[in-house]
Amino acid sequence: MSLDYYQQQADGFFRNTITVDMTPLYDRFLPRVPAGGHIVDAGCGSGRDSLHFFRLGYQVTAFDASPALVQLARTHSGLPVALCRFEDFSTPAPADAIWACASLLHVPLTELAAVMAHLTAQLKPGGVFYCSFKYGQGETCREGRHFTNLDENGLKQLLRGLPLHIAEQWQTGDLRPDREQERWLNALLIKVPA
């Protein structure tokens, strides 16, 4: 359902997100990533964040499930963005970090723990996993998109049984103009060594 939306609305989505200043989130995430480390941009959308990380000297692997967004992200970033779903992604060597900004929220709640486990398997022990969800509980559909909303307790429940611990979690307003009233739950998760 969400994939159809992004196929049809890719250009508008790109225009609305490409110039958003993500500095407050980068400033919490990047100090936990080794210089020159490997970041996976999971559900990269416009490629905005992939390009930022690449320009800072990180190795970046980017993917998205929407063919239209993959094409836009490739054009914008100049990076080889893969067409891939979360559950099908694999990296030849474990990554230092995963950046899943406003992307995992489209995974149905019944599938989310398995998707998180699969992505975590692509991460080095001690690696950082950033994710964000619209703040709340339950699942909603809006304008052809599915959203899984999480609050602090929902995140805690989701992570039960996964080798991840919460290093930080915080709420923010939406960073897009005129959307500041929308709340987001942000989390920095660390993969626990086996």
N, C-alpha and C. Protein backbone atom coordinates (compact mmCIF):
# COMPACT_ATOMS: atom_id res chain seq x y z
N MET A 1 0.83 -1.20 0.00
CA MET A 1 0.00 0.00 0.00
C MET A 1 0.88 1.27 0.00
N SER A 2 1.80 1.37 0.99
CA SER A 2 2.68 2.54 1.05
C SER A 2 3.56 2.62 -0.19
N LEU A 3 3.96 1.45 -0.71
CA LEU A 3 4.82 1.42 -1.89
C LEU A 3 4.12 2.05 -3.09
N ASP A 4 2.84 1.76 -3.26
CA ASP A 4 2.06 2.38 -4.35
C ASP A 4 2.03 3.89 -4.20
N TYR A 5 1.85 4.35 -2.97
CA TYR A 5 1.84 5.80 -2.71
C TYR A 5 3.15 6.44 -3.19
N TYR A 6 4.27 5.85 -2.79
CA TYR A 6 5.56 6.44 -3.14
C TYR A 6 5.85 6.36 -4.63
N GLN A 7 5.34 5.34 -5.27
CA GLN A 7 5.49 5.26 -6.72
C GLN A 7 4.76 6.43 -7.40
N GLN A 8 3.56 6.71 -6.92
CA GLN A 8 2.73 7.75 -7.56
C GLN A 8 3.12 9.15 -7.12
N GLN A 9 3.63 9.27 -5.89
CA GLN A 9 3.89 10.60 -5.31
C GLN A 9 5.39 10.89 -5.15
N ALA A 10 6.23 10.14 -5.84
CA ALA A 10 7.68 10.25 -5.63
C ALA A 10 8.20 11.66 -5.82
N ASP A 11 7.79 12.33 -6.89
CA ASP A 11 8.31 13.68 -7.16
C ASP A 11 7.94 14.66 -6.05
N GLY A 12 6.70 14.62 -5.62
CA GLY A 12 6.24 15.51 -4.55
C GLY A 12 6.94 15.21 -3.23
N PHE A 13 7.08 13.93 -2.93
CA PHE A 13 7.77 13.53 -1.71
C PHE A 13 9.22 14.02 -1.75
N PHE A 14 9.86 13.84 -2.88
CA PHE A 14 11.25 14.29 -3.05
C PHE A 14 11.35 15.79 -2.77
N ARG A 15 10.48 16.57 -3.41
CA ARG A 15 10.52 18.04 -3.24
C ARG A 15 10.28 18.45 -1.79
N ASN A 16 9.39 17.74 -1.10
CA ASN A 16 9.03 18.10 0.27
C ASN A 16 10.06 17.68 1.31
N THR A 17 10.96 16.78 0.96
CA THR A 17 11.90 16.27 1.97
C THR A 17 13.36 16.57 1.67
N ILE A 18 13.70 16.89 0.45
CA ILE A 18 15.10 16.97 0.05
C ILE A 18 15.86 18.09 0.77
N THR A 19 15.18 19.18 1.13
CA THR A 19 15.88 20.31 1.75
C THR A 19 15.67 20.39 3.26
N VAL A 20 15.02 19.40 3.86
CA VAL A 20 14.80 19.43 5.31
C VAL A 20 16.15 19.37 6.03
N ASP A 21 16.34 20.26 7.02
CA ASP A 21 17.59 20.30 7.78
C ASP A 21 17.56 19.22 8.86
N MET A 22 18.34 18.19 8.67
CA MET A 22 18.35 17.05 9.58
C MET A 22 19.47 17.15 10.63
N THR A 23 20.12 18.30 10.70
CA THR A 23 21.29 18.47 11.59
C THR A 23 21.04 18.00 13.02
N PRO A 24 19.88 18.32 13.64
CA PRO A 24 19.69 17.87 15.02
C PRO A 24 19.76 16.34 15.18
N LEU A 25 19.33 15.62 14.16
CA LEU A 25 19.40 14.15 14.22
C LEU A 25 20.80 13.65 13.89
N TYR A 26 21.42 14.25 12.86
CA TYR A 26 22.79 13.87 12.52
C TYR A 26 23.71 14.06 13.74
N ASP A 27 23.50 15.15 14.47
CA ASP A 27 24.39 15.49 15.58
C ASP A 27 24.32 14.48 16.73
N ARG A 28 23.24 13.72 16.81
CA ARG A 28 23.14 12.69 17.84
C ARG A 28 23.64 11.34 17.32
N PHE A 29 23.45 11.10 16.03
CA PHE A 29 23.80 9.80 15.42
C PHE A 29 25.28 9.68 15.08
N LEU A 30 25.82 10.67 14.37
CA LEU A 30 27.16 10.52 13.79
C LEU A 30 28.29 10.39 14.81
N PRO A 31 28.21 11.01 16.01
CA PRO A 31 29.29 10.79 16.98
C PRO A 31 29.45 9.32 17.40
N ARG A 32 28.43 8.51 17.15
CA ARG A 32 28.49 7.09 17.50
C ARG A 32 29.00 6.21 16.35
N VAL A 33 29.30 6.83 15.20
CA VAL A 33 29.77 6.09 14.03
C VAL A 33 31.26 6.38 13.85
N PRO A 34 32.11 5.35 13.69
CA PRO A 34 33.54 5.61 13.50
C PRO A 34 33.79 6.43 12.24
N ALA A 35 34.81 7.27 12.26
CA ALA A 35 35.17 8.07 11.09
C ALA A 35 35.40 7.14 9.91
N GLY A 36 34.77 7.47 8.78
CA GLY A 36 34.91 6.64 7.59
C GLY A 36 34.16 5.33 7.65
N GLY A 37 33.34 5.16 8.68
CA GLY A 37 32.61 3.91 8.88
C GLY A 37 31.53 3.68 7.83
N HIS A 38 30.98 2.48 7.86
CA HIS A 38 29.98 2.05 6.87
C HIS A 38 28.58 2.26 7.44
N ILE A 39 27.79 3.13 6.79
CA ILE A 39 26.42 3.42 7.19
C ILE A 39 25.47 2.84 6.14
N VAL A 40 24.48 2.09 6.60
CA VAL A 40 23.40 1.62 5.73
C VAL A 40 22.23 2.59 5.88
N ASP A 41 21.82 3.19 4.78
CA ASP A 41 20.64 4.07 4.77
C ASP A 41 19.46 3.22 4.32
N ALA A 42 18.68 2.75 5.29
CA ALA A 42 17.62 1.76 5.05
C ALA A 42 16.30 2.48 4.78
N GLY A 43 15.83 2.39 3.53
CA GLY A 43 14.65 3.15 3.13
C GLY A 43 15.06 4.59 2.91
N CYS A 44 15.98 4.80 1.98
CA CYS A 44 16.69 6.08 1.85
C CYS A 44 15.85 7.20 1.25
N GLY A 45 14.67 6.88 0.68
CA GLY A 45 13.82 7.94 0.13
C GLY A 45 14.54 8.74 -0.93
N SER A 46 14.67 10.04 -0.69
CA SER A 46 15.25 10.96 -1.68
C SER A 46 16.76 10.82 -1.85
N GLY A 47 17.42 10.15 -0.91
CA GLY A 47 18.88 10.07 -0.94
C GLY A 47 19.56 11.23 -0.23
N ARG A 48 18.76 12.10 0.37
CA ARG A 48 19.28 13.28 1.08
C ARG A 48 20.33 12.90 2.13
N ASP A 49 20.00 11.93 2.99
CA ASP A 49 20.90 11.58 4.08
C ASP A 49 22.11 10.79 3.58
N SER A 50 21.89 9.92 2.60
CA SER A 50 23.01 9.17 2.01
C SER A 50 24.07 10.12 1.48
N LEU A 51 23.63 11.13 0.76
CA LEU A 51 24.57 12.10 0.19
C LEU A 51 25.31 12.85 1.29
N HIS A 52 24.60 13.25 2.33
CA HIS A 52 25.23 13.96 3.45
C HIS A 52 26.33 13.10 4.08
N PHE A 53 25.99 11.84 4.36
CA PHE A 53 26.98 10.95 4.99
C PHE A 53 28.18 10.73 4.06
N PHE A 54 27.91 10.53 2.79
CA PHE A 54 28.98 10.31 1.81
C PHE A 54 29.92 11.52 1.76
N ARG A 55 29.35 12.71 1.75
CA ARG A 55 30.17 13.94 1.70
C ARG A 55 31.04 14.10 2.94
N LEU A 56 30.63 13.49 4.05
CA LEU A 56 31.42 13.55 5.29
C LEU A 56 32.48 12.45 5.35
N GLY A 57 32.54 11.62 4.30
CA GLY A 57 33.59 10.61 4.23
C GLY A 57 33.20 9.22 4.70
N TYR A 58 31.92 9.02 4.96
CA TYR A 58 31.47 7.68 5.35
C TYR A 58 31.26 6.81 4.11
N GLN A 59 31.39 5.49 4.28
CA GLN A 59 30.97 4.55 3.24
C GLN A 59 29.46 4.39 3.39
N VAL A 60 28.74 4.49 2.31
CA VAL A 60 27.27 4.47 2.39
C VAL A 60 26.72 3.37 1.48
N THR A 61 25.82 2.57 2.04
CA THR A 61 25.02 1.63 1.27
C THR A 61 23.58 2.09 1.42
N ALA A 62 22.94 2.44 0.31
CA ALA A 62 21.58 2.97 0.36
C ALA A 62 20.63 2.06 -0.41
N PHE A 63 19.41 1.92 0.12
CA PHE A 63 18.40 1.16 -0.61
C PHE A 63 17.01 1.69 -0.28
N ASP A 64 16.08 1.42 -1.19
CA ASP A 64 14.67 1.76 -0.98
C ASP A 64 13.84 0.76 -1.77
N ALA A 65 12.58 0.59 -1.37
CA ALA A 65 11.71 -0.37 -2.05
C ALA A 65 10.92 0.24 -3.20
N SER A 66 10.96 1.57 -3.33
CA SER A 66 10.22 2.25 -4.39
C SER A 66 11.11 2.50 -5.60
N PRO A 67 10.81 1.88 -6.75
CA PRO A 67 11.64 2.13 -7.95
C PRO A 67 11.74 3.61 -8.30
N ALA A 68 10.66 4.35 -8.15
CA ALA A 68 10.68 5.78 -8.50
C ALA A 68 11.62 6.55 -7.57
N LEU A 69 11.56 6.25 -6.27
CA LEU A 69 12.45 6.94 -5.33
C LEU A 69 13.89 6.51 -5.50
N VAL A 70 14.13 5.24 -5.82
CA VAL A 70 15.50 4.77 -6.07
C VAL A 70 16.11 5.58 -7.21
N GLN A 71 15.34 5.80 -8.28
CA GLN A 71 15.85 6.56 -9.41
C GLN A 71 16.16 8.00 -9.02
N LEU A 72 15.25 8.63 -8.26
CA LEU A 72 15.48 10.01 -7.81
C LEU A 72 16.68 10.08 -6.87
N ALA A 73 16.82 9.10 -5.97
CA ALA A 73 17.94 9.09 -5.03
C ALA A 73 19.27 8.89 -5.76
N ARG A 74 19.27 8.03 -6.77
CA ARG A 74 20.50 7.84 -7.56
C ARG A 74 20.90 9.13 -8.24
N THR A 75 19.94 9.80 -8.85
CA THR A 75 20.21 11.04 -9.56
C THR A 75 20.71 12.11 -8.60
N HIS A 76 20.04 12.24 -7.45
CA HIS A 76 20.40 13.28 -6.49
C HIS A 76 21.76 13.03 -5.84
N SER A 77 22.00 11.79 -5.42
CA SER A 77 23.19 11.51 -4.62
C SER A 77 24.39 11.09 -5.46
N GLY A 78 24.13 10.56 -6.67
CA GLY A 78 25.23 10.01 -7.46
C GLY A 78 25.73 8.69 -6.92
N LEU A 79 25.01 8.13 -5.95
CA LEU A 79 25.41 6.86 -5.34
C LEU A 79 24.63 5.70 -5.96
N PRO A 80 25.15 4.49 -5.87
CA PRO A 80 24.46 3.32 -6.43
C PRO A 80 23.38 2.82 -5.47
N VAL A 81 22.22 3.42 -5.51
CA VAL A 81 21.12 3.07 -4.61
C VAL A 81 20.45 1.79 -5.10
N ALA A 82 20.30 0.82 -4.20
CA ALA A 82 19.72 -0.48 -4.56
C ALA A 82 18.20 -0.46 -4.41
N LEU A 83 17.53 -1.20 -5.27
CA LEU A 83 16.09 -1.42 -5.16
C LEU A 83 15.90 -2.67 -4.31
N CYS A 84 15.35 -2.50 -3.10
CA CYS A 84 15.34 -3.61 -2.16
C CYS A 84 14.35 -3.34 -1.03
N ARG A 85 13.72 -4.40 -0.53
CA ARG A 85 12.87 -4.30 0.65
C ARG A 85 13.74 -4.58 1.89
N PHE A 86 13.29 -4.11 3.04
CA PHE A 86 14.07 -4.32 4.28
C PHE A 86 14.44 -5.79 4.47
N GLU A 87 13.44 -6.67 4.31
CA GLU A 87 13.65 -8.08 4.64
C GLU A 87 14.55 -8.80 3.63
N ASP A 88 14.81 -8.18 2.48
CA ASP A 88 15.66 -8.79 1.46
C ASP A 88 17.08 -8.21 1.45
N PHE A 89 17.32 -7.19 2.26
CA PHE A 89 18.62 -6.53 2.23
C PHE A 89 19.68 -7.36 2.95
N SER A 90 20.86 -7.41 2.35
CA SER A 90 22.00 -7.98 3.07
C SER A 90 23.26 -7.26 2.62
N THR A 91 24.20 -7.16 3.53
CA THR A 91 25.46 -6.49 3.23
C THR A 91 26.59 -7.52 3.36
N PRO A 92 27.59 -7.48 2.45
CA PRO A 92 28.65 -8.49 2.46
C PRO A 92 29.43 -8.53 3.78
N ALA A 93 29.62 -7.36 4.38
CA ALA A 93 30.31 -7.29 5.68
C ALA A 93 29.43 -6.46 6.62
N PRO A 94 29.37 -6.82 7.89
CA PRO A 94 28.51 -6.09 8.82
C PRO A 94 28.83 -4.58 8.83
N ALA A 95 27.79 -3.79 8.94
CA ALA A 95 27.93 -2.32 8.90
C ALA A 95 28.20 -1.77 10.30
N ASP A 96 28.76 -0.57 10.33
CA ASP A 96 28.97 0.14 11.60
C ASP A 96 27.69 0.77 12.11
N ALA A 97 26.78 1.10 11.19
CA ALA A 97 25.59 1.84 11.59
C ALA A 97 24.46 1.62 10.59
N ILE A 98 23.25 1.71 11.09
CA ILE A 98 22.06 1.70 10.25
C ILE A 98 21.27 2.95 10.54
N TRP A 99 20.86 3.63 9.48
CA TRP A 99 20.05 4.85 9.57
C TRP A 99 18.71 4.52 8.91
N ALA A 100 17.66 4.44 9.73
CA ALA A 100 16.32 4.13 9.22
C ALA A 100 15.40 5.28 9.63
N CYS A 101 15.54 6.38 8.91
CA CYS A 101 14.84 7.62 9.25
C CYS A 101 13.45 7.62 8.60
N ALA A 102 12.42 7.56 9.43
CA ALA A 102 11.03 7.63 8.94
C ALA A 102 10.77 6.61 7.84
N SER A 103 11.34 5.42 7.99
CA SER A 103 11.14 4.38 6.97
C SER A 103 10.50 3.13 7.55
N LEU A 104 10.97 2.67 8.70
CA LEU A 104 10.43 1.44 9.29
C LEU A 104 8.98 1.60 9.73
N LEU A 105 8.52 2.83 9.87
CA LEU A 105 7.14 3.07 10.29
C LEU A 105 6.12 2.56 9.27
N HIS A 106 6.57 2.24 8.06
CA HIS A 106 5.64 1.70 7.05
C HIS A 106 5.51 0.18 7.13
N VAL A 107 6.30 -0.46 8.00
CA VAL A 107 6.22 -1.92 8.15
C VAL A 107 5.09 -2.24 9.12
N PRO A 108 4.19 -3.16 8.75
CA PRO A 108 3.12 -3.53 9.68
C PRO A 108 3.69 -4.04 11.00
N LEU A 109 2.99 -3.75 12.09
CA LEU A 109 3.48 -4.10 13.42
C LEU A 109 3.76 -5.59 13.56
N THR A 110 2.95 -6.43 12.92
CA THR A 110 3.15 -7.89 13.02
C THR A 110 4.45 -8.34 12.37
N GLU A 111 5.01 -7.53 11.47
CA GLU A 111 6.24 -7.89 10.76
C GLU A 111 7.46 -7.12 11.27
N LEU A 112 7.22 -6.12 12.11
CA LEU A 112 8.29 -5.17 12.45
C LEU A 112 9.43 -5.82 13.23
N ALA A 113 9.14 -6.66 14.21
CA ALA A 113 10.21 -7.28 15.00
C ALA A 113 11.11 -8.14 14.11
N ALA A 114 10.50 -8.88 13.18
CA ALA A 114 11.30 -9.73 12.28
C ALA A 114 12.17 -8.87 11.35
N VAL A 115 11.63 -7.77 10.87
CA VAL A 115 12.40 -6.86 10.01
C VAL A 115 13.55 -6.24 10.80
N MET A 116 13.27 -5.82 12.03
CA MET A 116 14.33 -5.24 12.88
C MET A 116 15.42 -6.28 13.16
N ALA A 117 15.01 -7.52 13.41
CA ALA A 117 15.99 -8.58 13.67
C ALA A 117 16.87 -8.81 12.44
N HIS A 118 16.24 -8.81 11.25
CA HIS A 118 17.00 -9.02 10.02
C HIS A 118 18.01 -7.89 9.80
N LEU A 119 17.57 -6.65 9.99
CA LEU A 119 18.50 -5.52 9.81
C LEU A 119 19.61 -5.54 10.86
N THR A 120 19.25 -5.89 12.09
CA THR A 120 20.25 -5.94 13.16
C THR A 120 21.34 -6.96 12.85
N ALA A 121 20.96 -8.04 12.16
CA ALA A 121 21.94 -9.06 11.76
C ALA A 121 22.98 -8.50 10.79
N GLN A 122 22.67 -7.36 10.14
CA GLN A 122 23.60 -6.74 9.18
C GLN A 122 24.55 -5.75 9.88
N LEU A 123 24.44 -5.66 11.21
CA LEU A 123 25.16 -4.65 11.99
C LEU A 123 26.26 -5.30 12.83
N LYS A 124 27.38 -4.63 12.95
CA LYS A 124 28.46 -5.11 13.82
C LYS A 124 28.02 -5.05 15.28
N PRO A 125 28.54 -5.94 16.12
CA PRO A 125 28.31 -5.79 17.56
C PRO A 125 28.82 -4.41 18.01
N GLY A 126 28.02 -3.73 18.80
CA GLY A 126 28.38 -2.38 19.22
C GLY A 126 27.96 -1.31 18.23
N GLY A 127 27.45 -1.73 17.07
CA GLY A 127 27.01 -0.78 16.06
C GLY A 127 25.74 -0.05 16.48
N VAL A 128 25.50 1.10 15.86
CA VAL A 128 24.35 1.94 16.21
C VAL A 128 23.27 1.82 15.15
N PHE A 129 22.02 1.83 15.61
CA PHE A 129 20.84 1.68 14.75
C PHE A 129 19.91 2.84 15.10
N TYR A 130 19.80 3.81 14.20
CA TYR A 130 18.86 4.92 14.41
C TYR A 130 17.55 4.59 13.71
N CYS A 131 16.43 4.81 14.40
CA CYS A 131 15.12 4.66 13.78
C CYS A 131 14.17 5.71 14.33
N SER A 132 13.14 6.00 13.56
CA SER A 132 12.15 6.98 14.01
C SER A 132 10.76 6.55 13.56
N PHE A 133 9.79 6.85 14.42
CA PHE A 133 8.40 6.49 14.19
C PHE A 133 7.51 7.66 14.58
N LYS A 134 6.38 7.79 13.92
CA LYS A 134 5.40 8.77 14.38
C LYS A 134 5.00 8.36 15.80
N TYR A 135 4.89 9.36 16.66
CA TYR A 135 4.66 9.09 18.08
C TYR A 135 3.21 8.71 18.33
N GLY A 136 3.01 7.59 19.02
CA GLY A 136 1.66 7.16 19.34
C GLY A 136 1.60 5.66 19.50
N GLN A 137 0.40 5.13 19.36
CA GLN A 137 0.18 3.70 19.50
C GLN A 137 -0.66 3.20 18.34
N GLY A 138 -0.51 1.92 18.02
CA GLY A 138 -1.35 1.30 17.02
C GLY A 138 -0.92 1.61 15.60
N GLU A 139 -1.76 1.22 14.65
CA GLU A 139 -1.47 1.37 13.24
C GLU A 139 -2.56 2.22 12.59
N THR A 140 -2.15 3.06 11.65
CA THR A 140 -3.10 3.92 10.95
C THR A 140 -2.80 3.89 9.45
N CYS A 141 -3.77 4.28 8.66
CA CYS A 141 -3.58 4.46 7.22
C CYS A 141 -4.02 5.87 6.88
N ARG A 142 -3.16 6.58 6.15
CA ARG A 142 -3.48 7.94 5.72
C ARG A 142 -3.00 8.14 4.30
N GLU A 143 -3.87 8.61 3.44
CA GLU A 143 -3.52 8.96 2.05
C GLU A 143 -2.80 7.82 1.34
N GLY A 144 -3.26 6.59 1.61
CA GLY A 144 -2.66 5.45 0.92
C GLY A 144 -1.37 4.94 1.53
N ARG A 145 -1.02 5.44 2.71
CA ARG A 145 0.19 4.97 3.39
C ARG A 145 -0.16 4.32 4.72
N HIS A 146 0.55 3.24 5.03
CA HIS A 146 0.40 2.56 6.32
C HIS A 146 1.44 3.11 7.29
N PHE A 147 1.01 3.34 8.53
CA PHE A 147 1.94 3.80 9.57
C PHE A 147 1.81 2.92 10.81
N THR A 148 2.95 2.47 11.31
CA THR A 148 3.01 1.84 12.63
C THR A 148 3.55 2.91 13.57
N ASN A 149 2.73 3.31 14.53
CA ASN A 149 3.11 4.35 15.49
C ASN A 149 3.69 3.70 16.73
N LEU A 150 4.68 4.33 17.33
CA LEU A 150 5.27 3.81 18.57
C LEU A 150 5.46 4.92 19.58
N ASP A 151 5.24 4.57 20.85
CA ASP A 151 5.68 5.44 21.94
C ASP A 151 6.80 4.68 22.67
N GLU A 152 7.27 5.23 23.78
CA GLU A 152 8.40 4.61 24.48
C GLU A 152 8.11 3.17 24.89
N ASN A 153 6.91 2.92 25.38
CA ASN A 153 6.56 1.56 25.80
C ASN A 153 6.46 0.63 24.59
N GLY A 154 5.91 1.13 23.49
CA GLY A 154 5.81 0.32 22.27
C GLY A 154 7.18 -0.07 21.75
N LEU A 155 8.14 0.85 21.82
CA LEU A 155 9.51 0.55 21.38
C LEU A 155 10.13 -0.51 22.28
N LYS A 156 9.91 -0.36 23.58
CA LYS A 156 10.45 -1.33 24.53
C LYS A 156 9.90 -2.73 24.25
N GLN A 157 8.60 -2.82 23.98
CA GLN A 157 7.98 -4.11 23.65
C GLN A 157 8.55 -4.68 22.35
N LEU A 158 8.72 -3.80 21.35
CA LEU A 158 9.25 -4.23 20.05
C LEU A 158 10.64 -4.85 20.19
N LEU A 159 11.46 -4.30 21.07
CA LEU A 159 12.85 -4.73 21.18
C LEU A 159 13.03 -5.96 22.04
N ARG A 160 11.95 -6.42 22.69
CA ARG A 160 12.05 -7.63 23.51
C ARG A 160 12.55 -8.79 22.66
N GLY A 161 13.63 -9.44 23.13
CA GLY A 161 14.15 -10.59 22.40
C GLY A 161 15.12 -10.22 21.29
N LEU A 162 15.29 -8.91 21.01
CA LEU A 162 16.26 -8.49 19.99
C LEU A 162 17.56 -8.07 20.67
N PRO A 163 18.71 -8.29 20.02
CA PRO A 163 19.99 -7.94 20.64
C PRO A 163 20.30 -6.44 20.50
N LEU A 164 19.36 -5.63 20.95
CA LEU A 164 19.51 -4.17 20.86
C LEU A 164 19.16 -3.56 22.21
N HIS A 165 19.95 -2.59 22.64
CA HIS A 165 19.53 -1.84 23.82
C HIS A 165 19.40 -0.36 23.45
N ILE A 166 18.54 0.32 24.16
CA ILE A 166 18.26 1.72 23.87
C ILE A 166 19.33 2.59 24.52
N ALA A 167 20.13 3.26 23.70
CA ALA A 167 21.13 4.20 24.21
C ALA A 167 20.49 5.56 24.48
N GLU A 168 19.60 5.95 23.57
CA GLU A 168 18.88 7.23 23.71
C GLU A 168 17.53 7.09 23.03
N GLN A 169 16.52 7.75 23.60
CA GLN A 169 15.25 7.91 22.89
C GLN A 169 14.72 9.29 23.25
N TRP A 170 14.15 9.96 22.27
CA TRP A 170 13.66 11.31 22.50
C TRP A 170 12.56 11.63 21.49
N GLN A 171 11.77 12.62 21.86
CA GLN A 171 10.70 13.07 20.98
C GLN A 171 11.12 14.36 20.28
N THR A 172 10.67 14.51 19.05
CA THR A 172 10.89 15.75 18.31
C THR A 172 9.61 16.11 17.58
N GLY A 173 9.52 17.38 17.19
CA GLY A 173 8.49 17.79 16.24
C GLY A 173 8.98 17.43 14.85
N ASP A 174 8.06 17.41 13.90
CA ASP A 174 8.45 17.15 12.51
C ASP A 174 9.36 18.29 12.04
N LEU A 175 10.42 17.96 11.31
CA LEU A 175 11.37 18.97 10.86
C LEU A 175 10.93 19.67 9.58
N ARG A 176 9.83 19.21 8.98
CA ARG A 176 9.34 19.87 7.76
C ARG A 176 8.50 21.09 8.12
N PRO A 177 8.61 22.17 7.35
CA PRO A 177 7.81 23.36 7.63
C PRO A 177 6.33 23.03 7.65
N ASP A 178 5.61 23.66 8.56
CA ASP A 178 4.15 23.51 8.71
C ASP A 178 3.75 22.14 9.24
N ARG A 179 4.72 21.32 9.67
CA ARG A 179 4.36 20.00 10.22
C ARG A 179 4.90 19.86 11.65
N GLU A 180 5.35 20.97 12.24
CA GLU A 180 6.04 20.92 13.53
C GLU A 180 5.18 20.30 14.64
N GLN A 181 3.85 20.35 14.48
CA GLN A 181 2.97 19.82 15.52
C GLN A 181 2.96 18.30 15.55
N GLU A 182 3.42 17.66 14.48
CA GLU A 182 3.49 16.19 14.47
C GLU A 182 4.67 15.74 15.33
N ARG A 183 4.41 14.77 16.20
CA ARG A 183 5.46 14.29 17.10
C ARG A 183 6.09 13.01 16.55
N TRP A 184 7.38 12.87 16.80
CA TRP A 184 8.14 11.68 16.39
C TRP A 184 8.88 11.11 17.58
N LEU A 185 8.98 9.78 17.61
CA LEU A 185 9.83 9.09 18.57
C LEU A 185 11.11 8.70 17.83
N ASN A 186 12.23 9.16 18.35
CA ASN A 186 13.55 8.85 17.77
C ASN A 186 14.28 7.93 18.74
N ALA A 187 15.07 7.02 18.21
CA ALA A 187 15.83 6.12 19.08
C ALA A 187 17.19 5.81 18.47
N LEU A 188 18.19 5.78 19.34
CA LEU A 188 19.51 5.27 18.99
C LEU A 188 19.67 3.96 19.75
N LEU A 189 19.78 2.88 19.01
CA LEU A 189 19.87 1.54 19.58
C LEU A 189 21.29 1.01 19.35
N ILE A 190 21.81 0.27 20.28
CA ILE A 190 23.15 -0.30 20.14
C ILE A 190 23.04 -1.82 20.12
N LYS A 191 23.71 -2.45 19.16
CA LYS A 191 23.69 -3.90 19.07
C LYS A 191 24.55 -4.49 20.17
N VAL A 192 23.94 -5.35 20.95
CA VAL A 192 24.62 -5.99 22.08
C VAL A 192 25.51 -7.11 21.54
N PRO A 193 26.79 -7.13 21.92
CA PRO A 193 27.67 -8.23 21.49
C PRO A 193 27.11 -9.56 21.95
N ALA A 194 27.24 -10.59 21.12
CA ALA A 194 26.70 -11.92 21.46
C ALA A 194 27.44 -12.51 22.65
